[in-house]
Amino acid sequence: MCSDHKEPTSRAEFHRANQSRAEAEAQRLLAAKEQLGPRWLSWVASELYALKPAAYASMVRRALQELNQ
């Protein structure tokens, strides 16, 4: 990606710095699934939407997908 001005290491550093926090957040979201029942999906969507920055929200979303398989 030559047109991207961000350095590749910055993405990797962000991922390393936030991975454990993203996994913990995904576990928190999944833990509410049984309690919320059919409302869980819309609740999770709103929780993910509120996470900032977008790169962190994506990390949480991926971790949640892995846990939910």
PDB file of N, CA and C in Angstrom:
ATOM      1  N   MET A   1       0.826  -1.191   0.000  1.00  0.00           N
ATOM      2  CA  MET A   1       0.000   0.000   0.000  1.00  0.00           C
ATOM      3  C   MET A   1       0.867   1.249   0.000  1.00  0.00           C
ATOM      4  N   CYS A   2       1.366   1.565  -1.111  1.00  0.00           N
ATOM      5  CA  CYS A   2       2.259   2.710  -1.220  1.00  0.00           C
ATOM      6  C   CYS A   2       1.540   4.035  -1.036  1.00  0.00           C
ATOM      7  N   SER A   3       0.251   4.085  -1.364  1.00  0.00           N
ATOM      8  CA  SER A   3      -0.482   5.344  -1.245  1.00  0.00           C
ATOM      9  C   SER A   3      -0.843   5.677   0.200  1.00  0.00           C
ATOM     10  N   ASP A   4      -0.749   4.707   1.079  1.00  0.00           N
ATOM     11  CA  ASP A   4      -1.057   4.928   2.483  1.00  0.00           C
ATOM     12  C   ASP A   4       0.164   5.552   3.158  1.00  0.00           C
ATOM     13  N   HIS A   5      -0.037   6.686   3.800  1.00  0.00           N
ATOM     14  CA  HIS A   5       1.075   7.396   4.425  1.00  0.00           C
ATOM     15  C   HIS A   5       1.376   6.921   5.841  1.00  0.00           C
ATOM     16  N   LYS A   6       0.553   6.030   6.382  1.00  0.00           N
ATOM     17  CA  LYS A   6       0.808   5.509   7.720  1.00  0.00           C
ATOM     18  C   LYS A   6       1.926   4.480   7.647  1.00  0.00           C
ATOM     19  N   GLU A   7       2.748   4.462   8.650  1.00  0.00           N
ATOM     20  CA  GLU A   7       3.822   3.483   8.693  1.00  0.00           C
ATOM     21  C   GLU A   7       3.248   2.142   9.127  1.00  0.00           C
ATOM     22  N   PRO A   8       3.660   1.048   8.495  1.00  0.00           N
ATOM     23  CA  PRO A   8       3.136  -0.273   8.844  1.00  0.00           C
ATOM     24  C   PRO A   8       3.359  -0.626  10.306  1.00  0.00           C
ATOM     25  N   THR A   9       4.446  -0.169  10.893  1.00  0.00           N
ATOM     26  CA  THR A   9       4.722  -0.518  12.284  1.00  0.00           C
ATOM     27  C   THR A   9       3.707   0.119  13.234  1.00  0.00           C
ATOM     28  N   SER A  10       3.132   1.254  12.868  1.00  0.00           N
ATOM     29  CA  SER A  10       2.191   1.897  13.776  1.00  0.00           C
ATOM     30  C   SER A  10       0.927   1.052  13.957  1.00  0.00           C
ATOM     31  N   ARG A  11       0.485   0.392  12.901  1.00  0.00           N
ATOM     32  CA  ARG A  11      -0.680  -0.491  13.016  1.00  0.00           C
ATOM     33  C   ARG A  11      -0.355  -1.692  13.894  1.00  0.00           C
ATOM     34  N   ALA A  12       0.819  -2.260  13.690  1.00  0.00           N
ATOM     35  CA  ALA A  12       1.243  -3.400  14.492  1.00  0.00           C
ATOM     36  C   ALA A  12       1.410  -3.003  15.957  1.00  0.00           C
ATOM     37  N   GLU A  13       1.962  -1.839  16.193  1.00  0.00           N
ATOM     38  CA  GLU A  13       2.126  -1.363  17.568  1.00  0.00           C
ATOM     39  C   GLU A  13       0.776  -1.139  18.234  1.00  0.00           C
ATOM     40  N   PHE A  14      -0.143  -0.552  17.495  1.00  0.00           N
ATOM     41  CA  PHE A  14      -1.496  -0.332  18.035  1.00  0.00           C
ATOM     42  C   PHE A  14      -2.124  -1.669  18.397  1.00  0.00           C
ATOM     43  N   HIS A  15      -1.985  -2.648  17.520  1.00  0.00           N
ATOM     44  CA  HIS A  15      -2.560  -3.970  17.755  1.00  0.00           C
ATOM     45  C   HIS A  15      -1.962  -4.606  19.004  1.00  0.00           C
ATOM     46  N   ARG A  16      -0.633  -4.567  19.116  1.00  0.00           N
ATOM     47  CA  ARG A  16       0.032  -5.148  20.295  1.00  0.00           C
ATOM     48  C   ARG A  16      -0.400  -4.445  21.571  1.00  0.00           C
ATOM     49  N   ALA A  17      -0.505  -3.137  21.523  1.00  0.00           N
ATOM     50  CA  ALA A  17      -0.836  -2.360  22.718  1.00  0.00           C
ATOM     51  C   ALA A  17      -2.273  -2.579  23.177  1.00  0.00           C
ATOM     52  N   ASN A  18      -3.167  -2.957  22.264  1.00  0.00           N
ATOM     53  CA  ASN A  18      -4.582  -3.032  22.599  1.00  0.00           C
ATOM     54  C   ASN A  18      -5.197  -4.424  22.518  1.00  0.00           C
ATOM     55  N   GLN A  19      -4.409  -5.423  22.147  1.00  0.00           N
ATOM     56  CA  GLN A  19      -4.955  -6.759  21.940  1.00  0.00           C
ATOM     57  C   GLN A  19      -5.612  -7.334  23.194  1.00  0.00           C
ATOM     58  N   SER A  20      -4.934  -7.283  24.322  1.00  0.00           N
ATOM     59  CA  SER A  20      -5.509  -7.883  25.529  1.00  0.00           C
ATOM     60  C   SER A  20      -6.751  -7.129  25.983  1.00  0.00           C
ATOM     61  N   ARG A  21      -6.759  -5.823  25.830  1.00  0.00           N
ATOM     62  CA  ARG A  21      -7.935  -5.029  26.187  1.00  0.00           C
ATOM     63  C   ARG A  21      -9.114  -5.359  25.264  1.00  0.00           C
ATOM     64  N   ALA A  22      -8.831  -5.545  23.981  1.00  0.00           N
ATOM     65  CA  ALA A  22      -9.887  -5.889  23.016  1.00  0.00           C
ATOM     66  C   ALA A  22     -10.461  -7.266  23.319  1.00  0.00           C
ATOM     67  N   GLU A  23      -9.611  -8.206  23.679  1.00  0.00           N
ATOM     68  CA  GLU A  23     -10.085  -9.551  24.019  1.00  0.00           C
ATOM     69  C   GLU A  23     -10.935  -9.526  25.284  1.00  0.00           C
ATOM     70  N   ALA A  24     -10.540  -8.741  26.261  1.00  0.00           N
ATOM     71  CA  ALA A  24     -11.322  -8.624  27.493  1.00  0.00           C
ATOM     72  C   ALA A  24     -12.683  -7.992  27.206  1.00  0.00           C
ATOM     73  N   GLU A  25     -12.708  -6.991  26.344  1.00  0.00           N
ATOM     74  CA  GLU A  25     -13.967  -6.349  25.975  1.00  0.00           C
ATOM     75  C   GLU A  25     -14.874  -7.333  25.246  1.00  0.00           C
ATOM     76  N   ALA A  26     -14.307  -8.133  24.361  1.00  0.00           N
ATOM     77  CA  ALA A  26     -15.088  -9.139  23.641  1.00  0.00           C
ATOM     78  C   ALA A  26     -15.677 -10.165  24.614  1.00  0.00           C
ATOM     79  N   GLN A  27     -14.901 -10.555  25.606  1.00  0.00           N
ATOM     80  CA  GLN A  27     -15.398 -11.497  26.615  1.00  0.00           C
ATOM     81  C   GLN A  27     -16.544 -10.886  27.414  1.00  0.00           C
ATOM     82  N   ARG A  28     -16.427  -9.603  27.728  1.00  0.00           N
ATOM     83  CA  ARG A  28     -17.503  -8.914  28.450  1.00  0.00           C
ATOM     84  C   ARG A  28     -18.781  -8.904  27.615  1.00  0.00           C
ATOM     85  N   LEU A  29     -18.641  -8.602  26.336  1.00  0.00           N
ATOM     86  CA  LEU A  29     -19.814  -8.556  25.458  1.00  0.00           C
ATOM     87  C   LEU A  29     -20.455  -9.934  25.328  1.00  0.00           C
ATOM     88  N   LEU A  30     -19.634 -10.957  25.159  1.00  0.00           N
ATOM     89  CA  LEU A  30     -20.161 -12.307  25.011  1.00  0.00           C
ATOM     90  C   LEU A  30     -20.816 -12.794  26.305  1.00  0.00           C
ATOM     91  N   ALA A  31     -20.291 -12.382  27.442  1.00  0.00           N
ATOM     92  CA  ALA A  31     -20.841 -12.798  28.734  1.00  0.00           C
ATOM     93  C   ALA A  31     -22.287 -12.325  28.913  1.00  0.00           C
ATOM     94  N   ALA A  32     -22.668 -11.268  28.244  1.00  0.00           N
ATOM     95  CA  ALA A  32     -24.035 -10.738  28.381  1.00  0.00           C
ATOM     96  C   ALA A  32     -25.030 -11.430  27.461  1.00  0.00           C
ATOM     97  N   LYS A  33     -24.553 -12.318  26.612  1.00  0.00           N
ATOM     98  CA  LYS A  33     -25.421 -12.939  25.597  1.00  0.00           C
ATOM     99  C   LYS A  33     -26.592 -13.703  26.212  1.00  0.00           C
ATOM    100  N   GLU A  34     -26.302 -14.538  27.181  1.00  0.00           N
ATOM    101  CA  GLU A  34     -27.360 -15.348  27.788  1.00  0.00           C
ATOM    102  C   GLU A  34     -28.378 -14.478  28.525  1.00  0.00           C
ATOM    103  N   GLN A  35     -27.898 -13.491  29.241  1.00  0.00           N
ATOM    104  CA  GLN A  35     -28.777 -12.618  30.020  1.00  0.00           C
ATOM    105  C   GLN A  35     -29.687 -11.776  29.116  1.00  0.00           C
ATOM    106  N   LEU A  36     -29.154 -11.280  28.009  1.00  0.00           N
ATOM    107  CA  LEU A  36     -29.931 -10.402  27.130  1.00  0.00           C
ATOM    108  C   LEU A  36     -30.792 -11.158  26.126  1.00  0.00           C
ATOM    109  N   GLY A  37     -30.460 -12.401  25.873  1.00  0.00           N
ATOM    110  CA  GLY A  37     -31.245 -13.212  24.951  1.00  0.00           C
ATOM    111  C   GLY A  37     -31.339 -12.595  23.562  1.00  0.00           C
ATOM    112  N   PRO A  38     -32.550 -12.484  23.028  1.00  0.00           N
ATOM    113  CA  PRO A  38     -32.716 -11.981  21.659  1.00  0.00           C
ATOM    114  C   PRO A  38     -32.317 -10.507  21.487  1.00  0.00           C
ATOM    115  N   ARG A  39     -32.214  -9.770  22.580  1.00  0.00           N
ATOM    116  CA  ARG A  39     -31.810  -8.357  22.491  1.00  0.00           C
ATOM    117  C   ARG A  39     -30.297  -8.193  22.378  1.00  0.00           C
ATOM    118  N   TRP A  40     -29.565  -9.299  22.573  1.00  0.00           N
ATOM    119  CA  TRP A  40     -28.108  -9.234  22.624  1.00  0.00           C
ATOM    120  C   TRP A  40     -27.498  -8.669  21.346  1.00  0.00           C
ATOM    121  N   LEU A  41     -27.961  -9.119  20.199  1.00  0.00           N
ATOM    122  CA  LEU A  41     -27.342  -8.702  18.939  1.00  0.00           C
ATOM    123  C   LEU A  41     -27.408  -7.192  18.735  1.00  0.00           C
ATOM    124  N   SER A  42     -28.560  -6.598  18.981  1.00  0.00           N
ATOM    125  CA  SER A  42     -28.658  -5.144  18.815  1.00  0.00           C
ATOM    126  C   SER A  42     -27.863  -4.414  19.896  1.00  0.00           C
ATOM    127  N   TRP A  43     -27.821  -4.982  21.093  1.00  0.00           N
ATOM    128  CA  TRP A  43     -27.034  -4.376  22.170  1.00  0.00           C
ATOM    129  C   TRP A  43     -25.550  -4.396  21.815  1.00  0.00           C
ATOM    130  N   VAL A  44     -25.063  -5.548  21.331  1.00  0.00           N
ATOM    131  CA  VAL A  44     -23.657  -5.655  20.951  1.00  0.00           C
ATOM    132  C   VAL A  44     -23.331  -4.677  19.824  1.00  0.00           C
ATOM    133  N   ALA A  45     -24.219  -4.558  18.866  1.00  0.00           N
ATOM    134  CA  ALA A  45     -23.991  -3.633  17.757  1.00  0.00           C
ATOM    135  C   ALA A  45     -23.818  -2.208  18.278  1.00  0.00           C
ATOM    136  N   SER A  46     -24.660  -1.816  19.221  1.00  0.00           N
ATOM    137  CA  SER A  46     -24.545  -0.453  19.761  1.00  0.00           C
ATOM    138  C   SER A  46     -23.277  -0.290  20.589  1.00  0.00           C
ATOM    139  N   GLU A  47     -22.893  -1.331  21.315  1.00  0.00           N
ATOM    140  CA  GLU A  47     -21.655  -1.278  22.097  1.00  0.00           C
ATOM    141  C   GLU A  47     -20.444  -1.148  21.171  1.00  0.00           C
ATOM    142  N   LEU A  48     -20.419  -1.919  20.100  1.00  0.00           N
ATOM    143  CA  LEU A  48     -19.308  -1.855  19.151  1.00  0.00           C
ATOM    144  C   LEU A  48     -19.255  -0.504  18.462  1.00  0.00           C
ATOM    145  N   TYR A  49     -20.411   0.037  18.124  1.00  0.00           N
ATOM    146  CA  TYR A  49     -20.486   1.335  17.461  1.00  0.00           C
ATOM    147  C   TYR A  49     -19.895   2.443  18.344  1.00  0.00           C
ATOM    148  N   ALA A  50     -20.060   2.297  19.647  1.00  0.00           N
ATOM    149  CA  ALA A  50     -19.592   3.326  20.583  1.00  0.00           C
ATOM    150  C   ALA A  50     -18.082   3.266  20.835  1.00  0.00           C
ATOM    151  N   LEU A  51     -17.441   2.168  20.472  1.00  0.00           N
ATOM    152  CA  LEU A  51     -16.006   2.036  20.724  1.00  0.00           C
ATOM    153  C   LEU A  51     -15.198   2.907  19.774  1.00  0.00           C
ATOM    154  N   LYS A  52     -14.201   3.564  20.312  1.00  0.00           N
ATOM    155  CA  LYS A  52     -13.317   4.409  19.521  1.00  0.00           C
ATOM    156  C   LYS A  52     -11.881   4.091  19.901  1.00  0.00           C
ATOM    157  N   PRO A  53     -10.971   4.194  18.993  1.00  0.00           N
ATOM    158  CA  PRO A  53     -11.115   4.494  17.576  1.00  0.00           C
ATOM    159  C   PRO A  53     -11.659   3.292  16.807  1.00  0.00           C
ATOM    160  N   ALA A  54     -11.938   3.488  15.546  1.00  0.00           N
ATOM    161  CA  ALA A  54     -12.525   2.436  14.714  1.00  0.00           C
ATOM    162  C   ALA A  54     -11.628   1.194  14.655  1.00  0.00           C
ATOM    163  N   ALA A  55     -10.329   1.394  14.665  1.00  0.00           N
ATOM    164  CA  ALA A  55      -9.406   0.248  14.616  1.00  0.00           C
ATOM    165  C   ALA A  55      -9.571  -0.623  15.859  1.00  0.00           C
ATOM    166  N   TYR A  56      -9.800  -0.007  17.001  1.00  0.00           N
ATOM    167  CA  TYR A  56     -10.029  -0.768  18.235  1.00  0.00           C
ATOM    168  C   TYR A  56     -11.362  -1.504  18.160  1.00  0.00           C
ATOM    169  N   ALA A  57     -12.392  -0.840  17.671  1.00  0.00           N
ATOM    170  CA  ALA A  57     -13.695  -1.491  17.517  1.00  0.00           C
ATOM    171  C   ALA A  57     -13.581  -2.712  16.609  1.00  0.00           C
ATOM    172  N   SER A  58     -12.789  -2.611  15.566  1.00  0.00           N
ATOM    173  CA  SER A  58     -12.582  -3.746  14.657  1.00  0.00           C
ATOM    174  C   SER A  58     -11.882  -4.895  15.372  1.00  0.00           C
ATOM    175  N   MET A  59     -10.927  -4.555  16.217  1.00  0.00           N
ATOM    176  CA  MET A  59     -10.235  -5.597  16.983  1.00  0.00           C
ATOM    177  C   MET A  59     -11.201  -6.320  17.908  1.00  0.00           C
ATOM    178  N   VAL A  60     -12.065  -5.570  18.574  1.00  0.00           N
ATOM    179  CA  VAL A  60     -13.044  -6.171  19.480  1.00  0.00           C
ATOM    180  C   VAL A  60     -14.014  -7.042  18.678  1.00  0.00           C
ATOM    181  N   ARG A  61     -14.450  -6.547  17.535  1.00  0.00           N
ATOM    182  CA  ARG A  61     -15.380  -7.302  16.683  1.00  0.00           C
ATOM    183  C   ARG A  61     -14.759  -8.632  16.253  1.00  0.00           C
ATOM    184  N   ARG A  62     -13.498  -8.596  15.837  1.00  0.00           N
ATOM    185  CA  ARG A  62     -12.826  -9.845  15.435  1.00  0.00           C
ATOM    186  C   ARG A  62     -12.685 -10.796  16.611  1.00  0.00           C
ATOM    187  N   ALA A  63     -12.303 -10.279  17.766  1.00  0.00           N
ATOM    188  CA  ALA A  63     -12.150 -11.130  18.958  1.00  0.00           C
ATOM    189  C   ALA A  63     -13.495 -11.730  19.345  1.00  0.00           C
ATOM    190  N   LEU A  64     -14.555 -10.969  19.239  1.00  0.00           N
ATOM    191  CA  LEU A  64     -15.888 -11.466  19.557  1.00  0.00           C
ATOM    192  C   LEU A  64     -16.303 -12.570  18.587  1.00  0.00           C
ATOM    193  N   GLN A  65     -15.999 -12.396  17.326  1.00  0.00           N
ATOM    194  CA  GLN A  65     -16.311 -13.431  16.333  1.00  0.00           C
ATOM    195  C   GLN A  65     -15.578 -14.728  16.655  1.00  0.00           C
ATOM    196  N   GLU A  66     -14.318 -14.613  17.032  1.00  0.00           N
ATOM    197  CA  GLU A  66     -13.541 -15.805  17.371  1.00  0.00           C
ATOM    198  C   GLU A  66     -14.099 -16.503  18.596  1.00  0.00           C
ATOM    199  N   LEU A  67     -14.465 -15.736  19.610  1.00  0.00           N
ATOM    200  CA  LEU A  67     -15.021 -16.331  20.831  1.00  0.00           C
ATOM    201  C   LEU A  67     -16.389 -16.946  20.605  1.00  0.00           C
ATOM    202  N   ASN A  68     -17.137 -16.401  19.691  1.00  0.00           N
ATOM    203  CA  ASN A  68     -18.533 -16.806  19.471  1.00  0.00           C
ATOM    204  C   ASN A  68     -18.652 -17.980  18.500  1.00  0.00           C
ATOM    205  N   GLN A  69     -17.537 -18.495  18.000  1.00  0.00           N
ATOM    206  CA  GLN A  69     -17.592 -19.609  17.050  1.00  0.00           C
ATOM    207  C   GLN A  69     -17.806 -20.929  17.728  1.00  0.00           C
TER     208      GLN A  69
END
